[in-house]
Protein backbone atom coordinates (compact mmCIF):
# COMPACT_ATOMS: atom_id res chain seq x y z
CA UNK A 1 -41.99 30.99 -241.44
CA UNK A 2 -41.47 33.92 -243.58
CA UNK A 3 -44.52 35.59 -245.36
CA UNK A 4 -43.81 37.90 -248.19
CA UNK A 5 -46.68 38.88 -250.33
CA UNK A 6 -47.64 41.37 -253.25
CA UNK A 7 -50.04 42.49 -255.57
CA UNK A 8 -49.45 42.06 -259.10
CA UNK A 9 -50.65 41.63 -262.78
CA UNK A 10 -48.55 39.40 -265.38
CA UNK A 11 -50.54 36.14 -265.19
CA UNK A 12 -48.23 34.11 -267.96
CA UNK A 13 -45.08 35.70 -266.59
CA UNK A 14 -45.95 34.44 -262.68
CA UNK A 15 -47.24 31.07 -263.99
CA UNK A 16 -43.76 30.68 -266.08
CA UNK A 17 -41.74 31.70 -263.00
CA UNK A 18 -43.55 29.17 -260.86
CA UNK A 19 -42.77 26.15 -262.92
CA UNK A 20 -39.17 27.12 -263.89
CA UNK A 21 -36.83 24.39 -264.30
CA UNK A 22 -33.94 25.78 -262.35
CA UNK A 23 -35.83 24.32 -259.18
CA UNK A 24 -34.65 20.82 -258.35
CA UNK A 25 -38.58 19.81 -257.94
CA UNK A 26 -41.52 21.83 -258.89
CA UNK A 27 -44.54 20.50 -257.66
CA UNK A 28 -47.99 22.02 -258.56
CA UNK A 29 -49.82 21.02 -255.46
CA UNK A 30 -53.34 22.60 -255.94
CA UNK A 31 -55.45 24.57 -258.40
CA UNK A 32 -58.60 25.47 -256.91
CA UNK A 33 -61.76 27.67 -258.03
CA UNK A 34 -60.43 28.00 -261.90
CA UNK A 35 -62.03 26.25 -264.89
CA UNK A 36 -58.73 24.65 -265.44
CA UNK A 37 -56.31 22.61 -263.42
CA UNK A 38 -53.39 23.76 -265.80
CA UNK A 39 -51.67 26.49 -263.81
CA UNK A 40 -50.90 28.76 -267.00
CA UNK A 41 -54.36 28.49 -268.12
CA UNK A 42 -55.75 29.09 -264.43
CA UNK A 43 -53.84 32.44 -264.29
CA UNK A 44 -54.55 33.21 -267.86
CA UNK A 45 -58.33 32.77 -266.80
CA UNK A 46 -57.92 35.29 -264.16
CA UNK A 47 -56.41 37.78 -266.26
CA UNK A 48 -59.51 37.38 -268.66
CA UNK A 49 -61.81 38.01 -265.87
CA UNK A 50 -59.96 41.02 -264.79
CA UNK A 51 -60.66 42.74 -268.28
CA UNK A 52 -64.20 43.21 -267.29
CA UNK A 53 -62.98 45.58 -264.32
CA UNK A 54 -60.70 48.22 -263.83
CA UNK A 55 -58.18 46.10 -261.79
CA UNK A 56 -54.55 45.88 -262.98
CA UNK A 57 -52.85 44.00 -260.36
CA UNK A 58 -55.66 41.14 -260.38
CA UNK A 59 -53.38 38.38 -258.49
CA UNK A 60 -52.10 38.36 -255.09
CA UNK A 61 -49.07 36.32 -254.60
CA UNK A 62 -47.47 35.19 -251.40
CA UNK A 63 -44.16 33.25 -250.76
CA UNK A 64 -43.78 30.90 -247.67
CA UNK A 65 -40.20 30.28 -246.84
CA UNK A 66 -39.65 28.43 -243.21
CA UNK A 67 -36.41 28.24 -241.42
CA UNK A 68 -33.42 26.63 -243.52
CA UNK A 69 -32.84 23.45 -242.02
CA UNK A 70 -36.58 22.52 -240.47
CA UNK A 71 -38.76 20.03 -241.89
CA UNK A 72 -42.39 21.51 -242.73
CA UNK A 73 -44.99 19.16 -243.90
CA UNK A 74 -47.50 19.84 -246.52
CA UNK A 75 -50.22 20.19 -244.18
CA UNK A 76 -48.53 22.92 -242.12
CA UNK A 77 -47.63 24.90 -245.35
CA UNK A 78 -51.51 24.39 -246.16
CA UNK A 79 -52.47 25.59 -242.73
CA UNK A 80 -50.45 28.82 -242.77
CA UNK A 81 -52.13 29.29 -246.32
CA UNK A 82 -55.58 29.15 -244.88
CA UNK A 83 -54.54 31.47 -242.03
CA UNK A 84 -53.11 34.13 -244.58
CA UNK A 85 -55.97 33.60 -246.81
CA UNK A 86 -58.37 34.67 -243.87
CA UNK A 87 -56.28 37.37 -242.58
CA UNK A 88 -56.14 38.96 -246.14
CA UNK A 89 -59.75 38.68 -246.92
CA UNK A 90 -59.35 36.42 -249.80
CA UNK A 91 -61.10 33.64 -248.38
CA UNK A 92 -62.95 31.21 -251.42
CA UNK A 93 -61.21 33.03 -254.09
CA UNK A 94 -59.47 31.13 -256.81
CA UNK A 95 -56.11 29.67 -255.81
CA UNK A 96 -52.96 27.68 -256.91
CA UNK A 97 -50.10 26.39 -254.58
CA UNK A 98 -47.01 25.45 -255.88
CA UNK A 99 -43.84 23.85 -254.14
CA UNK A 100 -40.22 24.40 -255.11
CA UNK A 101 -37.27 22.81 -253.75
CA UNK A 102 -33.82 23.79 -254.56
CA UNK A 103 -30.02 23.44 -252.87
CA UNK A 104 -31.91 21.36 -249.92
CA UNK A 105 -34.45 24.05 -249.15
CA UNK A 106 -38.17 23.60 -249.53
CA UNK A 107 -40.37 26.72 -250.04
CA UNK A 108 -44.33 27.25 -251.26
CA UNK A 109 -45.94 29.88 -253.50
CA UNK A 110 -49.40 30.24 -253.12
CA UNK A 111 -51.51 32.53 -255.85
CA UNK A 112 -54.96 34.15 -255.50
CA UNK A 113 -57.08 35.90 -258.19
CA UNK A 114 -58.43 39.13 -256.37
CA UNK A 115 -61.37 39.30 -258.77
CA UNK A 116 -64.78 38.39 -256.80
CA UNK A 117 -66.45 36.72 -259.83
CA UNK A 118 -69.88 37.32 -258.48
CA UNK A 119 -69.50 41.29 -257.78
CA UNK A 120 -66.96 41.55 -260.75
CA UNK A 121 -64.87 43.72 -258.62
CA UNK A 122 -61.34 43.28 -256.89
CA UNK A 123 -60.92 42.29 -253.08
CA UNK A 124 -59.78 45.26 -251.38
CA UNK A 125 -56.39 44.53 -249.75
CA UNK A 126 -55.27 46.82 -246.79
CA UNK A 127 -51.75 46.66 -244.70
CA UNK A 128 -51.05 43.23 -246.11
CA UNK A 129 -47.23 43.74 -245.09
CA UNK A 130 -48.37 44.27 -241.45
CA UNK A 131 -50.93 41.44 -241.56
CA UNK A 132 -48.37 39.08 -242.96
CA UNK A 133 -45.68 40.07 -240.41
CA UNK A 134 -47.88 39.61 -237.47
CA UNK A 135 -49.05 36.10 -238.82
CA UNK A 136 -45.34 35.01 -239.56
CA UNK A 137 -44.48 35.80 -235.71
CA UNK A 138 -47.59 33.86 -234.91
CA UNK A 139 -45.99 30.73 -236.68
CA UNK A 140 -42.55 31.20 -235.54
CA UNK A 141 -43.88 31.00 -231.81
CA UNK A 142 -46.44 28.12 -232.60
CA UNK A 143 -43.95 25.92 -233.98
CA UNK A 144 -40.83 26.90 -231.74
CA UNK A 145 -38.81 28.08 -234.35
CA UNK A 146 -35.94 30.53 -233.58
CA UNK A 147 -37.34 34.16 -234.92
CA UNK A 148 -35.23 36.11 -236.97
CA UNK A 149 -33.92 39.38 -235.13
CA UNK A 150 -35.51 41.42 -237.77
CA UNK A 151 -39.01 39.54 -236.93
CA UNK A 152 -38.91 40.21 -233.64
CA UNK A 153 -38.47 44.26 -234.05
CA UNK A 154 -38.83 46.08 -237.45
CA UNK A 155 -36.40 48.80 -236.29
CA UNK A 156 -33.60 46.04 -235.97
CA UNK A 157 -33.43 45.45 -239.82
CA UNK A 158 -30.22 46.38 -241.25
CA UNK A 159 -29.96 46.74 -244.85
CA UNK A 160 -26.39 46.62 -244.46
CA UNK A 161 -26.33 43.09 -243.16
CA UNK A 162 -25.38 40.96 -246.24
CA UNK A 163 -25.19 37.19 -245.24
CA UNK A 164 -23.56 36.23 -248.63
CA UNK A 165 -20.27 38.27 -247.65
CA UNK A 166 -19.22 36.95 -244.52
CA UNK A 167 -15.58 36.65 -244.36
CA UNK A 168 -12.58 37.54 -242.12
CA UNK A 169 -9.42 39.34 -243.36
CA UNK A 170 -6.49 37.10 -242.84
CA UNK A 171 -3.55 38.59 -240.62
CA UNK A 172 -0.34 38.26 -241.71
CA UNK A 173 2.41 37.22 -239.21
CA UNK A 174 5.87 38.63 -238.94
CA UNK A 175 8.86 36.76 -239.42
CA UNK A 176 11.18 35.98 -236.33
CA UNK A 177 14.13 38.66 -236.37
CA UNK A 178 16.32 35.18 -235.44
CA UNK A 179 15.25 33.69 -238.62
CA UNK A 180 15.98 36.61 -240.76
CA UNK A 181 19.53 37.25 -239.32
CA UNK A 182 20.34 33.58 -239.96
CA UNK A 183 19.46 33.89 -243.58
CA UNK A 184 21.64 36.86 -244.00
CA UNK A 185 24.21 35.18 -242.21
CA UNK A 186 24.26 31.86 -243.84
CA UNK A 187 24.00 33.44 -247.36
CA UNK A 188 27.01 35.78 -246.68
CA UNK A 189 29.18 32.93 -245.02
CA UNK A 190 28.23 30.38 -248.05
CA UNK A 191 29.26 33.03 -251.07
CA UNK A 192 32.40 34.46 -251.95
CA UNK A 193 31.03 36.93 -254.56
CA UNK A 194 28.36 39.38 -254.92
CA UNK A 195 26.71 37.67 -257.48
CA UNK A 196 26.59 34.54 -255.36
CA UNK A 197 25.43 36.46 -252.43
CA UNK A 198 22.56 38.16 -254.41
CA UNK A 199 21.40 34.69 -256.03
CA UNK A 200 21.15 33.37 -252.13
CA UNK A 201 19.31 36.21 -250.78
CA UNK A 202 17.02 35.74 -253.94
CA UNK A 203 16.21 32.30 -253.28
CA UNK A 204 15.08 33.44 -249.80
CA UNK A 205 12.87 36.06 -251.40
CA UNK A 206 15.08 39.21 -251.19
CA UNK A 207 16.66 41.52 -253.59
CA UNK A 208 19.93 42.79 -253.47
CA UNK A 209 19.99 46.76 -253.85
CA UNK A 210 22.20 49.78 -253.06
CA UNK A 211 20.57 52.17 -250.59
CA UNK A 212 20.99 55.96 -250.32
CA UNK A 213 22.75 56.18 -247.10
CA UNK A 214 23.25 52.76 -245.81
CA UNK A 215 25.35 51.20 -248.73
CA UNK A 216 24.28 47.73 -249.54
CA UNK A 217 20.72 46.49 -248.82
CA UNK A 218 18.45 44.02 -249.09
CA UNK A 219 14.44 44.55 -249.94
CA UNK A 220 11.98 41.70 -249.28
CA UNK A 221 8.65 40.59 -250.93
CA UNK A 222 6.82 43.28 -248.89
CA UNK A 223 9.33 45.97 -249.71
CA UNK A 224 11.02 46.34 -246.32
CA UNK A 225 14.67 47.38 -246.31
CA UNK A 226 17.59 45.42 -244.74
CA UNK A 227 20.96 46.70 -244.30
CA UNK A 228 23.31 44.24 -245.05
CA UNK A 229 26.26 45.04 -242.24
CA UNK A 230 23.50 45.18 -239.61
CA UNK A 231 21.72 41.80 -240.31
CA UNK A 232 24.88 40.01 -241.31
CA UNK A 233 26.79 41.34 -238.20
CA UNK A 234 29.75 43.03 -239.68
CA UNK A 235 31.10 46.29 -240.49
CA UNK A 236 30.18 48.18 -243.67
CA UNK A 237 33.99 48.33 -244.60
CA UNK A 238 33.93 44.38 -245.04
CA UNK A 239 30.78 44.15 -246.78
CA UNK A 240 32.11 46.94 -249.40
CA UNK A 241 35.34 44.18 -250.02
CA UNK A 242 32.80 41.64 -251.14
CA UNK A 243 30.14 43.59 -252.88
CA UNK A 244 32.22 46.08 -255.05
CA UNK A 245 30.14 46.41 -257.99
CA UNK A 246 27.45 48.79 -256.44
CA UNK A 247 26.38 50.21 -259.83
CA UNK A 248 25.07 47.05 -261.19
CA UNK A 249 22.23 46.90 -258.29
CA UNK A 250 19.11 48.56 -258.49
CA UNK A 251 18.23 51.22 -256.36
CA UNK A 252 15.88 50.66 -253.53
CA UNK A 253 12.91 51.95 -255.46
CA UNK A 254 13.86 50.30 -258.37
CA UNK A 255 14.18 47.04 -256.60
CA UNK A 256 10.70 47.55 -255.16
CA UNK A 257 9.36 48.05 -258.56
CA UNK A 258 10.99 44.68 -259.74
CA UNK A 259 9.52 42.88 -256.56
CA UNK A 260 6.00 44.17 -257.10
CA UNK A 261 6.13 42.90 -260.83
CA UNK A 262 7.29 39.63 -260.32
CA UNK A 263 4.78 39.40 -257.09
CA UNK A 264 2.03 40.25 -259.15
CA UNK A 265 2.75 37.99 -261.95
CA UNK A 266 3.45 35.27 -259.41
CA UNK A 267 0.16 36.15 -257.46
CA UNK A 268 -1.90 36.17 -260.73
CA UNK A 269 -0.64 32.63 -261.66
CA UNK A 270 -1.54 31.46 -258.15
CA UNK A 271 -4.72 33.10 -258.67
CA UNK A 272 -5.56 31.32 -262.10
CA UNK A 273 -4.74 27.78 -260.53
CA UNK A 274 -6.68 28.35 -257.54
CA UNK A 275 -9.87 29.45 -259.66
CA UNK A 276 -9.34 26.37 -261.99
CA UNK A 277 -8.99 24.00 -259.09
CA UNK A 278 -12.15 25.52 -257.53
CA UNK A 279 -14.14 25.31 -260.75
CA UNK A 280 -13.20 21.40 -261.32
CA UNK A 281 -14.09 20.70 -257.83
CA UNK A 282 -17.37 22.82 -258.13
CA UNK A 283 -18.36 21.04 -261.45
CA UNK A 284 -18.00 17.59 -259.74
CA UNK A 285 -20.26 18.78 -256.89
CA UNK A 286 -22.74 20.10 -259.46
CA UNK A 287 -22.45 16.82 -261.49
CA UNK A 288 -23.28 15.07 -258.02
CA UNK A 289 -26.12 17.46 -257.25
CA UNK A 290 -27.71 16.63 -260.56
CA UNK A 291 -27.65 12.84 -260.35
CA UNK A 292 -28.94 13.07 -256.81
CA UNK A 293 -31.78 15.44 -258.27
CA UNK A 294 -32.60 12.83 -260.87
CA UNK A 295 -32.66 9.84 -258.26
CA UNK A 296 -34.88 11.79 -256.14
CA UNK A 297 -37.21 12.60 -259.00
CA UNK A 298 -37.15 8.84 -259.99
CA UNK A 299 -38.11 7.81 -256.19
CA UNK A 300 -40.77 10.58 -256.19
CA UNK A 301 -42.33 9.00 -259.63
CA UNK A 302 -42.38 5.57 -258.19
CA UNK A 303 -43.78 6.56 -255.00
CA UNK A 304 -46.87 8.69 -256.59
CA UNK A 305 -47.58 5.85 -259.40
CA UNK A 306 -47.77 3.02 -256.46
CA UNK A 307 -49.93 5.57 -254.41
CA UNK A 308 -52.10 5.96 -258.00
CA UNK A 309 -52.21 2.36 -258.60
CA UNK A 310 -53.53 1.77 -254.82
CA UNK A 311 -56.02 4.59 -254.98
CA UNK A 312 -57.49 2.94 -258.36
CA UNK A 313 -57.76 -0.22 -256.54
CA UNK A 314 -59.42 1.36 -253.49
CA UNK A 315 -61.93 2.97 -255.84
CA UNK A 316 -62.78 -0.36 -257.55
CA UNK A 317 -63.32 -1.81 -253.87
CA UNK A 318 -65.65 1.30 -252.90
CA UNK A 319 -67.73 0.55 -256.14
CA UNK A 320 -67.93 -3.05 -255.44
CA UNK A 321 -69.00 -2.29 -251.60
CA UNK A 322 -72.42 -0.47 -253.34
CA UNK A 323 -74.89 -3.30 -254.42
CA UNK A 324 -76.77 -2.96 -257.68
CA UNK A 325 -80.06 -3.89 -258.99
CA UNK A 326 -82.99 -4.56 -256.55
CA UNK A 327 -80.76 -4.59 -253.77
CA UNK A 328 -78.99 -1.62 -254.40
CA UNK A 329 -82.49 0.02 -254.77
CA UNK A 330 -83.50 -1.89 -251.34
CA UNK A 331 -80.11 -0.17 -249.69
CA UNK A 332 -81.37 3.04 -251.04
CA UNK A 333 -84.62 2.73 -249.41
CA UNK A 334 -83.31 1.56 -246.03
CA UNK A 335 -80.25 4.01 -245.79
CA UNK A 336 -77.74 1.37 -246.00
CA UNK A 337 -76.22 2.62 -249.11
CA UNK A 338 -75.85 6.58 -247.40
CA UNK A 339 -73.58 4.35 -244.51
CA UNK A 340 -71.54 2.64 -247.15
CA UNK A 341 -71.00 5.58 -248.78
CA UNK A 342 -70.16 7.88 -245.81
CA UNK A 343 -67.73 4.88 -244.89
CA UNK A 344 -66.15 5.26 -248.13
CA UNK A 345 -65.59 8.86 -248.34
CA UNK A 346 -63.87 8.50 -244.67
CA UNK A 347 -61.71 5.56 -246.11
CA UNK A 348 -60.67 7.81 -249.33
CA UNK A 349 -59.82 10.72 -246.75
CA UNK A 350 -57.59 8.86 -244.58
CA UNK A 351 -55.90 7.14 -247.37
CA UNK A 352 -55.28 10.80 -248.87
CA UNK A 353 -53.86 11.88 -245.55
CA UNK A 354 -51.68 8.75 -245.52
CA UNK A 355 -50.32 9.24 -249.00
CA UNK A 356 -49.71 13.00 -248.36
CA UNK A 357 -47.62 12.02 -245.18
CA UNK A 358 -45.65 9.02 -247.26
CA UNK A 359 -44.86 11.84 -249.65
CA UNK A 360 -43.96 14.18 -246.82
CA UNK A 361 -41.53 11.48 -245.32
CA UNK A 362 -40.03 11.05 -248.39
CA UNK A 363 -39.45 14.72 -249.41
CA UNK A 364 -37.68 15.23 -245.66
CA UNK A 365 -35.33 12.46 -246.50
CA UNK A 366 -34.23 13.63 -249.41
CA UNK A 367 -34.08 17.17 -248.18
CA UNK A 368 -31.68 16.29 -245.32
CA UNK A 369 -29.39 14.47 -248.30
CA UNK A 370 -29.56 17.62 -250.32
CA UNK A 371 -28.72 19.73 -247.24
CA UNK A 372 -25.66 17.62 -246.68
CA UNK A 373 -24.39 18.12 -250.31
CA UNK A 374 -25.37 22.02 -250.21
CA UNK A 375 -23.26 22.56 -246.98
CA UNK A 376 -20.49 20.97 -248.87
CA UNK A 377 -20.98 23.45 -251.66
CA UNK A 378 -21.09 26.37 -249.51
CA UNK A 379 -18.13 25.74 -247.74
CA UNK A 380 -16.39 25.27 -251.11
CA UNK A 381 -17.92 28.79 -252.29
CA UNK A 382 -16.85 30.36 -249.00
CA UNK A 383 -13.32 28.92 -249.29
CA UNK A 384 -12.98 29.92 -252.91
CA UNK A 385 -13.95 33.63 -252.15
CA UNK A 386 -11.75 34.06 -249.17
CA UNK A 387 -8.50 32.68 -251.02
CA UNK A 388 -9.52 34.21 -254.39
CA UNK A 389 -10.13 37.46 -252.48
CA UNK A 390 -7.00 37.47 -250.34
CA UNK A 391 -4.80 36.87 -253.73
CA UNK A 392 -6.72 39.66 -255.45
CA UNK A 393 -6.24 42.10 -252.77
CA UNK A 394 -2.51 41.30 -252.32
CA UNK A 395 -1.90 41.35 -256.20
CA UNK A 396 -3.61 44.99 -255.91
CA UNK A 397 -1.35 46.00 -253.39
CA UNK A 398 1.59 45.18 -255.36
CA UNK A 399 0.40 47.05 -258.34
CA UNK A 400 -0.40 49.89 -256.04
CA UNK A 401 3.47 49.74 -254.66
CA UNK A 402 4.91 49.59 -257.96
CA UNK A 403 2.79 52.43 -259.56
CA UNK A 404 3.80 54.62 -256.48
CA UNK A 405 7.27 53.89 -256.52
CA UNK A 406 7.38 54.44 -260.64
CA UNK A 407 5.80 57.85 -259.77
CA UNK A 408 8.23 58.67 -257.11
CA UNK A 409 11.29 57.95 -259.18
CA UNK A 410 10.13 59.88 -261.80
CA UNK A 411 9.44 62.79 -259.18
CA UNK A 412 13.11 62.56 -258.16
CA UNK A 413 14.37 62.62 -261.78
CA UNK A 414 12.61 65.80 -262.54
CA UNK A 415 13.91 67.46 -259.33
CA UNK A 416 17.45 66.25 -260.03
CA UNK A 417 16.82 67.66 -263.85
CA UNK A 418 15.98 71.06 -262.22
CA UNK A 419 18.74 71.28 -259.90
CA UNK A 420 21.50 70.71 -262.80
CA UNK A 421 23.19 74.09 -263.74
CA UNK A 422 21.41 75.01 -267.29
CA UNK A 423 24.02 75.78 -270.09
CA UNK A 424 24.18 79.38 -271.05
CA UNK A 425 22.24 80.23 -274.25
CA UNK A 426 24.27 81.55 -276.99
CA UNK A 427 23.21 84.43 -278.97
CA UNK A 428 22.70 84.49 -283.00
CA UNK A 429 25.91 83.98 -285.11
CA UNK A 430 25.73 87.49 -286.47
CA UNK A 431 26.24 88.78 -283.12
CA UNK A 432 29.70 86.86 -282.74
């Protein structure tokens, strides 16, 4: 598992962070070596003791993150914490352990007080990153988990490897020339007037325009220009006999500006529709996730209550095993009481192990359910990102195309104005 640790202060902020409700499940598993078993009070206690020293970063915080789809038992987490504690030189220091679950993943946090109360000085921590990386590699090898590339070799880490932005740009497929020609020929033969022909082309995604040298042309949604005579398959003279009102048609660049404007508005509408649809679906999945979390909490509480009741019954049973009065005194003298106490302790230890195993089994079962739902949420998020990004990119291209054509038309008009002969300047009236 990945181990990340750092020295820090801010006891209250750390405690509040570890108890955050944004996690689906939070379990304060252990608070050891402090006067209080409350996490906030325990870390504040560490802060109070640190005031008698010059140590500012009086805590060491460690996060333990196993591979995403692995079910790691509480026992394995605690063993890893014990190993880290030994390697860091924090053995015997006051410690707290907190488990978090969110989106089908379970991880753990351990926090130690660095202040040695007997000597009233902080435990010196050196090369923590290197020690934790070494232990992390050992854990991956020990449990047969697939080791991340960056953990195999430190130089293999690349800060540009972003896992949240994995997408592939969709490739555009061009239309078949035969299909394009069929559209022009059918539109031409089915309409006897310029207006009818223009309307038929518009229905197929083309705008009828006048070209510079090619007479009448059509412009598609990508800004490509198609000569009418070529694609209908007739001579330009015959085209002019039907398309006689040339001045009523836009220039090619003007047609591109109109197309870009219409496409931008259409893509914007599609973007909003898609965004709303994704939000509605995501809200349904989030509601389902929250309902599932509530059900999981109820089951866990039911298990804890049952285990607590069983523990109380067993405690009463163990007390009943011990004789009282003269028999009890006789048992003490003969050593029988000590044997009974040892048997009770072994029984208690075994029950604790069995109960922890029961809790882990329930946690693992619930994690599988959470992961299934989380994978659906992640697929939906990936699809949303891909579709909306594609629409936004296309919209941006049309906006750029429109702006570029407007600038070209403005440049052409300025050149035409400069090329026209300027009227002669008349002198003052008194010179006449």
